[in-house]
Amino acid sequence: MSSEDWAGRARAATMARIAVTQAEVGVRFPLYADPRSGTWTTTGHGSWAGGFWAGLLWLRARDTGHEADRRAAAECTARLESRLRADTATRGLVFWYGTALAEGDAAASLLRHRAARACLADFDARAGIVPWGGAFGGPRMLARVDGVPGTVPLLACAGPAGAAAAAAHLDRHLDLCLGGVGERRPLAWRFGDGDGTWSPCGEPRPGWSRGRAWLLLALADALLRPEVAARCSVRLEAAVERLVAWDDMVTGPPVPPAEGADPDGPSDTSAAAITAVALLKLGRLPGAWTRACARRGVAILSRLAEAHLSREGDGLPAGMLLDGCYDAGKGLAVRHELVWGDFFLALGLASLDGLVDLTRV
């Protein structure tokens, strides 16, 4: 598929932004950037988002074909190893997106498979999940919607047992977090070790925009992996229909409010970018309904590129995906550039030109 002019310009801007970010952050990992200056807040080990920075560097290496860019991506990916034994299901995000674009890199492939085996070892058969974990504080035995994306394809790398765990992990989160069309279910649940029951948690809130986006992405990844989809007890196509709510997908705003309960509050372009990639993935599946997904995915990318991406002359570095919201409730980075928003925008744009096969990432 040949990208239109808007997509080519946007992809060039995002690639230029990666180079500027690399020069600023060095061996640290960017997390979010100030919308007035473009300056990044960084972490030393990447926290839950380090894989997106490594993924962006691999995207740039594909774009340029330069050996120096491949080395930079490989060195960044190697630094993710410190998160290998972190007690958190977000290792799915870290190690899937940090390695999936590293085509032909043996070290990245080995790291991905080590991470898959580590997550499989942490799978709790009684709860049916890889637990959210205690790495960020609080109770360990949680099923949180942001612990599903990345974990599904990562677990699938661990052979039949991994595919079975991926299916169970997704089934449980869909059962707990996905209600009917228009229903806002809790997005985090605590497992009771004593009685084996689940109780809802207040955070993240039911209307959180990335909750729906993360679930849609995990569903798309499962549908693209027959070894996972065949083991799911939930009919995944029906779950997609419930989650997308077709009328809202076609007529709703391309960029959702960060909190559904506050439509006049900050928006979240990162949720829009995640949704766009999920819809483009669904568009790779057979069936007439998937064409609507692909069209909507391209429309969201177009809106992000035209209305939310910084340009030369704005007083900011070009290629910043602005208007992302990290955490509206805490007032944290509510109108900022977010590294995962940058990643999914860049990934979606790269797929339009065939630089990336979304069925494999």
Protein backbone atom coordinates (compact mmCIF):
# COMPACT_ATOMS: atom_id res chain seq x y z
CA MET A 1 0.00 0.00 0.00
CA SER A 2 1.45 3.39 -0.94
CA SER A 3 1.01 6.06 1.68
CA GLU A 4 -0.50 9.40 0.78
CA ASP A 5 1.49 12.61 1.13
CA TRP A 6 0.29 13.20 4.69
CA ALA A 7 1.55 9.79 5.80
CA GLY A 8 4.94 10.19 4.15
CA ARG A 9 5.45 13.60 5.74
CA ALA A 10 4.36 12.32 9.13
CA ARG A 11 6.64 9.31 8.97
CA ALA A 12 9.62 11.49 8.04
CA ALA A 13 8.84 13.76 11.00
CA THR A 14 8.60 10.85 13.44
CA MET A 15 11.93 9.47 12.23
CA ALA A 16 13.56 12.88 12.71
CA ARG A 17 12.10 13.07 16.21
CA ILE A 18 13.72 9.74 17.11
CA ALA A 19 17.15 11.14 16.26
CA VAL A 20 16.55 14.27 18.38
CA THR A 21 15.30 12.14 21.29
CA GLN A 22 18.29 9.81 21.10
CA ALA A 23 20.71 12.71 21.29
CA GLU A 24 18.88 14.03 24.37
CA VAL A 25 18.35 10.87 26.42
CA GLY A 26 21.56 8.93 25.78
CA VAL A 27 21.43 5.57 27.57
CA ARG A 28 18.26 6.45 29.49
CA PHE A 29 14.70 5.72 28.34
CA PRO A 30 12.25 8.51 27.40
CA LEU A 31 8.83 8.40 29.03
CA TYR A 32 7.00 11.68 28.34
CA ALA A 33 8.01 15.07 26.97
CA ASP A 34 6.92 18.58 27.93
CA PRO A 35 4.61 20.07 25.26
CA ARG A 36 6.18 23.52 25.66
CA SER A 37 9.85 22.60 25.34
CA GLY A 38 9.98 19.05 24.01
CA THR A 39 12.24 18.02 26.91
CA TRP A 40 11.88 14.40 27.98
CA THR A 41 11.32 12.96 31.43
CA THR A 42 13.36 9.75 31.43
CA THR A 43 13.87 6.55 33.42
CA GLY A 44 17.04 4.58 33.99
CA HIS A 45 15.68 1.11 33.21
CA GLY A 46 12.61 1.87 31.11
CA SER A 47 9.91 1.00 33.67
CA TRP A 48 6.94 -0.49 31.76
CA ALA A 49 7.53 1.61 28.61
CA GLY A 50 11.17 0.89 27.75
CA GLY A 51 10.26 -1.50 24.94
CA PHE A 52 8.59 1.29 23.01
CA TRP A 53 11.82 3.27 22.85
CA ALA A 54 13.74 0.21 21.67
CA GLY A 55 10.95 -0.40 19.14
CA LEU A 56 11.23 3.15 17.82
CA LEU A 57 14.97 2.70 17.34
CA TRP A 58 14.35 -0.54 15.40
CA LEU A 59 11.80 1.29 13.24
CA ARG A 60 14.38 3.96 12.45
CA ALA A 61 16.95 1.28 11.60
CA ARG A 62 14.50 -0.22 9.12
CA ASP A 63 13.77 3.19 7.67
CA THR A 64 17.39 4.24 7.15
CA GLY A 65 19.08 0.88 6.64
CA HIS A 66 22.15 2.27 8.42
CA GLU A 67 24.30 -0.12 10.43
CA ALA A 68 24.87 2.54 13.09
CA ASP A 69 21.13 2.75 13.66
CA ARG A 70 20.88 -1.05 13.97
CA ARG A 71 23.66 -1.00 16.56
CA ALA A 72 21.89 1.72 18.54
CA ALA A 73 18.66 -0.29 18.53
CA ALA A 74 20.46 -3.49 19.54
CA GLU A 75 22.30 -1.76 22.39
CA CYS A 76 19.06 -0.27 23.70
CA THR A 77 17.32 -3.64 23.51
CA ALA A 78 20.15 -5.27 25.45
CA ARG A 79 19.58 -2.75 28.26
CA LEU A 80 16.03 -4.09 28.66
CA GLU A 81 17.47 -7.28 30.17
CA SER A 82 17.38 -5.64 33.60
CA ARG A 83 13.56 -5.93 33.44
CA LEU A 84 13.60 -9.65 32.73
CA ARG A 85 12.80 -10.73 36.29
CA ALA A 86 10.64 -7.73 37.17
CA ASP A 87 7.44 -9.00 38.79
CA THR A 88 4.96 -7.49 36.36
CA ALA A 89 2.77 -8.53 33.45
CA THR A 90 3.92 -5.38 31.65
CA ARG A 91 6.96 -7.40 30.60
CA GLY A 92 4.69 -8.24 27.68
CA LEU A 93 4.89 -4.61 26.56
CA VAL A 94 8.59 -4.34 27.32
CA PHE A 95 9.86 -7.47 25.63
CA TRP A 96 7.40 -7.91 22.79
CA TYR A 97 7.57 -4.37 21.43
CA GLY A 98 11.25 -4.05 22.32
CA THR A 99 12.21 -7.08 20.23
CA ALA A 100 9.50 -7.83 17.64
CA LEU A 101 10.95 -5.39 15.09
CA ALA A 102 14.52 -6.65 15.54
CA GLU A 103 14.43 -8.86 12.47
CA GLY A 104 17.57 -10.94 12.11
CA ASP A 105 19.05 -9.92 15.47
CA ALA A 106 19.93 -13.10 17.36
CA ALA A 107 20.42 -11.40 20.72
CA ALA A 108 17.00 -9.74 20.59
CA SER A 109 15.38 -13.03 19.59
CA LEU A 110 17.03 -14.80 22.52
CA LEU A 111 15.90 -12.07 24.92
CA ARG A 112 12.33 -12.33 23.62
CA HIS A 113 12.24 -16.08 24.20
CA ARG A 114 13.79 -15.75 27.66
CA ALA A 115 11.10 -13.21 28.55
CA ALA A 116 8.38 -15.49 27.17
CA ARG A 117 9.58 -18.36 29.35
CA ALA A 118 9.82 -16.09 32.40
CA CYS A 119 6.22 -14.91 31.92
CA LEU A 120 5.05 -18.48 31.39
CA ALA A 121 6.78 -19.51 34.62
CA ASP A 122 4.78 -16.81 36.44
CA PHE A 123 1.44 -17.93 34.99
CA ASP A 124 -0.97 -18.72 37.84
CA ALA A 125 -3.21 -21.58 36.74
CA ARG A 126 -5.77 -21.04 39.48
CA ALA A 127 -6.32 -17.38 38.59
CA GLY A 128 -5.79 -18.04 34.88
CA ILE A 129 -3.43 -15.08 34.42
CA VAL A 130 0.11 -13.87 34.49
CA PRO A 131 -0.41 -11.65 37.56
CA TRP A 132 -0.03 -7.90 37.32
CA GLY A 133 2.70 -8.35 39.92
CA GLY A 134 4.20 -6.31 42.71
CA ALA A 135 6.85 -4.38 40.78
CA PHE A 136 4.92 -1.09 41.07
CA GLY A 137 3.62 -1.63 44.59
CA GLY A 138 0.19 -2.71 45.75
CA PRO A 139 -1.38 -6.17 45.58
CA ARG A 140 0.27 -8.69 43.27
CA MET A 141 -2.69 -10.86 42.22
CA LEU A 142 -4.41 -8.41 39.93
CA ALA A 143 -5.84 -8.78 36.45
CA ARG A 144 -5.36 -5.35 34.87
CA VAL A 145 -6.30 -4.52 31.33
CA ASP A 146 -2.86 -3.03 30.61
CA GLY A 147 -1.30 -6.38 31.52
CA VAL A 148 -2.77 -8.05 28.39
CA PRO A 149 -1.24 -6.25 25.36
CA GLY A 150 2.14 -7.63 24.35
CA THR A 151 1.72 -10.51 26.79
CA VAL A 152 -0.46 -12.46 24.34
CA PRO A 153 2.08 -12.56 21.47
CA LEU A 154 5.01 -12.87 23.86
CA LEU A 155 3.58 -15.95 25.59
CA ALA A 156 2.82 -17.46 22.18
CA CYS A 157 6.60 -17.56 21.59
CA ALA A 158 6.88 -20.18 24.36
CA GLY A 159 5.39 -23.05 22.35
CA PRO A 160 2.07 -24.85 22.96
CA ALA A 161 2.14 -24.25 26.72
CA GLY A 162 2.73 -20.55 26.08
CA ALA A 163 -0.13 -20.37 23.57
CA ALA A 164 -2.45 -22.03 26.09
CA ALA A 165 -1.41 -19.54 28.78
CA ALA A 166 -1.89 -16.64 26.36
CA ALA A 167 -5.43 -17.81 25.60
CA ALA A 168 -6.28 -18.26 29.28
CA HIS A 169 -4.79 -14.85 30.14
CA LEU A 170 -6.87 -13.15 27.45
CA ASP A 171 -10.02 -15.12 28.30
CA ARG A 172 -9.83 -14.09 31.94
CA HIS A 173 -9.31 -10.40 31.17
CA LEU A 174 -12.16 -10.39 28.64
CA ASP A 175 -14.43 -12.13 31.13
CA LEU A 176 -13.64 -9.56 33.82
CA CYS A 177 -13.14 -6.32 31.87
CA LEU A 178 -15.30 -6.53 28.74
CA GLY A 179 -18.98 -5.80 29.23
CA GLY A 180 -21.71 -5.25 26.69
CA VAL A 181 -21.73 -2.44 24.14
CA GLY A 182 -21.61 0.85 26.01
CA GLU A 183 -21.07 -0.82 29.39
CA ARG A 184 -18.13 0.40 31.47
CA ARG A 185 -16.74 -2.52 33.40
CA PRO A 186 -13.93 -2.24 35.98
CA LEU A 187 -10.55 -2.51 34.27
CA ALA A 188 -8.69 -4.07 37.20
CA TRP A 189 -9.73 -6.98 39.45
CA ARG A 190 -8.13 -8.53 42.52
CA PHE A 191 -7.98 -12.29 42.96
CA GLY A 192 -8.78 -13.60 46.41
CA ASP A 193 -6.27 -16.28 47.32
CA GLY A 194 -8.50 -17.64 50.05
CA ASP A 195 -11.76 -18.12 48.15
CA GLY A 196 -10.65 -17.77 44.52
CA THR A 197 -13.13 -14.98 43.77
CA TRP A 198 -12.51 -11.71 41.97
CA SER A 199 -13.30 -8.24 43.34
CA PRO A 200 -13.19 -5.00 41.31
CA CYS A 201 -10.59 -2.29 41.87
CA GLY A 202 -11.11 1.44 41.44
CA GLU A 203 -8.01 2.12 39.35
CA PRO A 204 -7.72 2.42 36.43
CA ARG A 205 -11.22 3.86 36.13
CA PRO A 206 -13.77 2.12 33.91
CA GLY A 207 -13.86 4.95 31.34
CA TRP A 208 -10.08 5.01 30.83
CA SER A 209 -9.45 5.38 27.10
CA ARG A 210 -6.37 3.18 26.94
CA GLY A 211 -8.28 0.34 28.61
CA ARG A 212 -10.42 -0.20 25.53
CA ALA A 213 -7.43 0.36 23.23
CA TRP A 214 -5.22 -2.18 25.01
CA LEU A 215 -7.97 -4.82 24.97
CA LEU A 216 -8.60 -4.27 21.26
CA LEU A 217 -4.89 -4.64 20.54
CA ALA A 218 -4.70 -7.90 22.51
CA LEU A 219 -7.75 -9.24 20.66
CA ALA A 220 -6.20 -8.42 17.30
CA ASP A 221 -2.96 -10.14 18.28
CA ALA A 222 -4.83 -13.26 19.36
CA LEU A 223 -6.88 -13.40 16.15
CA LEU A 224 -3.66 -13.18 14.12
CA ARG A 225 -2.26 -16.22 15.97
CA PRO A 226 -4.36 -19.32 15.28
CA GLU A 227 -2.50 -21.27 17.97
CA VAL A 228 -3.86 -18.78 20.54
CA ALA A 229 -7.30 -18.09 19.03
CA ALA A 230 -8.12 -21.81 18.82
CA ARG A 231 -7.57 -22.16 22.56
CA CYS A 232 -9.72 -19.19 23.63
CA SER A 233 -13.11 -20.02 25.10
CA VAL A 234 -14.43 -16.56 24.18
CA ARG A 235 -15.51 -16.01 20.56
CA LEU A 236 -12.96 -13.35 19.71
CA GLU A 237 -14.77 -11.82 16.73
CA ALA A 238 -17.82 -11.23 18.92
CA ALA A 239 -15.61 -9.66 21.58
CA VAL A 240 -14.19 -7.29 18.95
CA GLU A 241 -17.69 -6.26 17.91
CA ARG A 242 -18.68 -5.58 21.52
CA LEU A 243 -15.52 -3.62 22.19
CA VAL A 244 -15.50 -1.54 19.05
CA ALA A 245 -19.25 -0.77 19.11
CA TRP A 246 -19.42 -0.16 15.39
CA ASP A 247 -21.49 3.04 15.38
CA ASP A 248 -19.03 4.66 17.79
CA MET A 249 -16.08 3.47 15.72
CA VAL A 250 -17.49 5.04 12.57
CA THR A 251 -18.91 8.26 13.96
CA GLY A 252 -17.09 8.83 17.25
CA PRO A 253 -14.13 11.18 17.68
CA PRO A 254 -10.85 9.78 16.30
CA VAL A 255 -9.09 10.96 19.46
CA PRO A 256 -11.01 9.98 22.60
CA PRO A 257 -11.12 11.77 25.94
CA ALA A 258 -8.62 10.29 28.36
CA GLU A 259 -11.46 9.56 30.79
CA GLY A 260 -14.86 8.65 29.38
CA ALA A 261 -16.54 10.14 32.44
CA ASP A 262 -15.03 13.53 31.60
CA PRO A 263 -15.63 14.20 27.90
CA ASP A 264 -14.50 17.81 28.32
CA GLY A 265 -11.21 16.82 29.95
CA PRO A 266 -7.90 16.12 28.23
CA SER A 267 -7.81 13.85 25.21
CA ASP A 268 -5.39 10.97 24.74
CA THR A 269 -3.69 10.68 21.37
CA SER A 270 -1.77 7.64 22.60
CA ALA A 271 -5.05 5.73 22.99
CA ALA A 272 -5.97 6.77 19.45
CA ALA A 273 -2.62 5.55 18.07
CA ILE A 274 -2.95 2.18 19.85
CA THR A 275 -6.50 1.84 18.51
CA ALA A 276 -5.37 2.68 14.97
CA VAL A 277 -2.73 -0.07 15.01
CA ALA A 278 -5.22 -2.57 16.46
CA LEU A 279 -7.74 -1.74 13.72
CA LEU A 280 -5.08 -2.03 11.01
CA LYS A 281 -4.15 -5.45 12.41
CA LEU A 282 -7.81 -6.50 12.30
CA GLY A 283 -7.90 -5.22 8.73
CA ARG A 284 -5.36 -7.93 7.80
CA LEU A 285 -7.91 -10.65 8.65
CA PRO A 286 -10.36 -12.09 6.11
CA GLY A 287 -13.95 -10.86 6.11
CA ALA A 288 -15.93 -7.87 4.92
CA TRP A 289 -16.11 -6.35 8.41
CA THR A 290 -12.33 -6.07 8.61
CA ARG A 291 -12.24 -3.56 5.73
CA ALA A 292 -14.14 -1.10 7.91
CA CYS A 293 -11.49 -1.60 10.60
CA ALA A 294 -8.68 -0.80 8.16
CA ARG A 295 -10.41 2.34 6.87
CA ARG A 296 -11.00 3.61 10.38
CA GLY A 297 -7.40 2.87 11.37
CA VAL A 298 -6.08 4.95 8.47
CA ALA A 299 -8.53 7.76 9.30
CA ILE A 300 -7.28 7.89 12.90
CA LEU A 301 -3.65 8.02 11.78
CA SER A 302 -4.51 10.82 9.37
CA ARG A 303 -6.16 12.86 12.14
CA LEU A 304 -3.17 12.35 14.44
CA ALA A 305 -0.73 13.39 11.70
CA GLU A 306 -2.68 16.44 10.60
CA ALA A 307 -3.93 17.79 13.93
CA HIS A 308 -1.61 16.58 16.69
CA LEU A 309 1.89 16.18 15.25
CA SER A 310 4.30 19.08 15.77
CA ARG A 311 5.80 20.68 12.67
CA GLU A 312 8.81 22.79 11.81
CA GLY A 313 8.04 26.37 12.81
CA ASP A 314 5.89 25.40 15.81
CA GLY A 315 8.72 26.27 18.20
CA LEU A 316 9.08 22.57 19.02
CA PRO A 317 11.00 19.69 17.48
CA ALA A 318 9.04 18.27 14.55
CA GLY A 319 7.39 14.87 14.95
CA MET A 320 6.10 15.12 18.53
CA LEU A 321 2.71 13.44 18.96
CA LEU A 322 1.16 15.94 21.34
CA ASP A 323 -2.03 15.79 23.43
CA GLY A 324 -1.30 12.45 25.04
CA CYS A 325 -2.46 11.87 28.61
CA TYR A 326 -0.47 9.66 30.97
CA ASP A 327 -2.81 9.85 33.99
CA ALA A 328 -5.63 12.41 34.13
CA GLY A 329 -6.66 11.48 37.67
CA LYS A 330 -3.20 12.23 39.04
CA GLY A 331 -2.63 15.22 36.77
CA LEU A 332 0.46 13.48 35.36
CA ALA A 333 1.58 14.47 31.85
CA VAL A 334 -1.96 15.30 30.75
CA ARG A 335 -1.20 17.03 27.42
CA HIS A 336 2.22 15.63 26.64
CA GLU A 337 4.14 13.61 24.10
CA LEU A 338 4.22 9.99 25.31
CA VAL A 339 6.78 7.49 24.08
CA TRP A 340 4.18 4.76 23.51
CA GLY A 341 2.00 7.18 21.55
CA ASP A 342 5.00 7.99 19.34
CA PHE A 343 5.67 4.27 18.89
CA PHE A 344 2.20 3.26 17.79
CA LEU A 345 1.87 6.25 15.48
CA ALA A 346 5.22 5.44 13.87
CA LEU A 347 4.33 1.74 13.67
CA GLY A 348 1.02 2.45 11.98
CA LEU A 349 2.59 4.86 9.49
CA ALA A 350 5.37 2.39 8.69
CA SER A 351 2.79 -0.30 7.93
CA LEU A 352 1.11 1.89 5.30
CA ASP A 353 4.26 1.78 3.16
CA GLY A 354 4.92 -1.90 3.78
CA LEU A 355 7.97 -1.21 5.93
CA VAL A 356 6.38 -3.31 8.68
CA ASP A 357 4.12 -6.35 8.51
CA LEU A 358 1.62 -5.80 11.32
CA THR A 359 0.71 -9.48 11.40
CA ARG A 360 4.19 -10.12 12.82
CA VAL A 361 4.56 -7.20 15.29
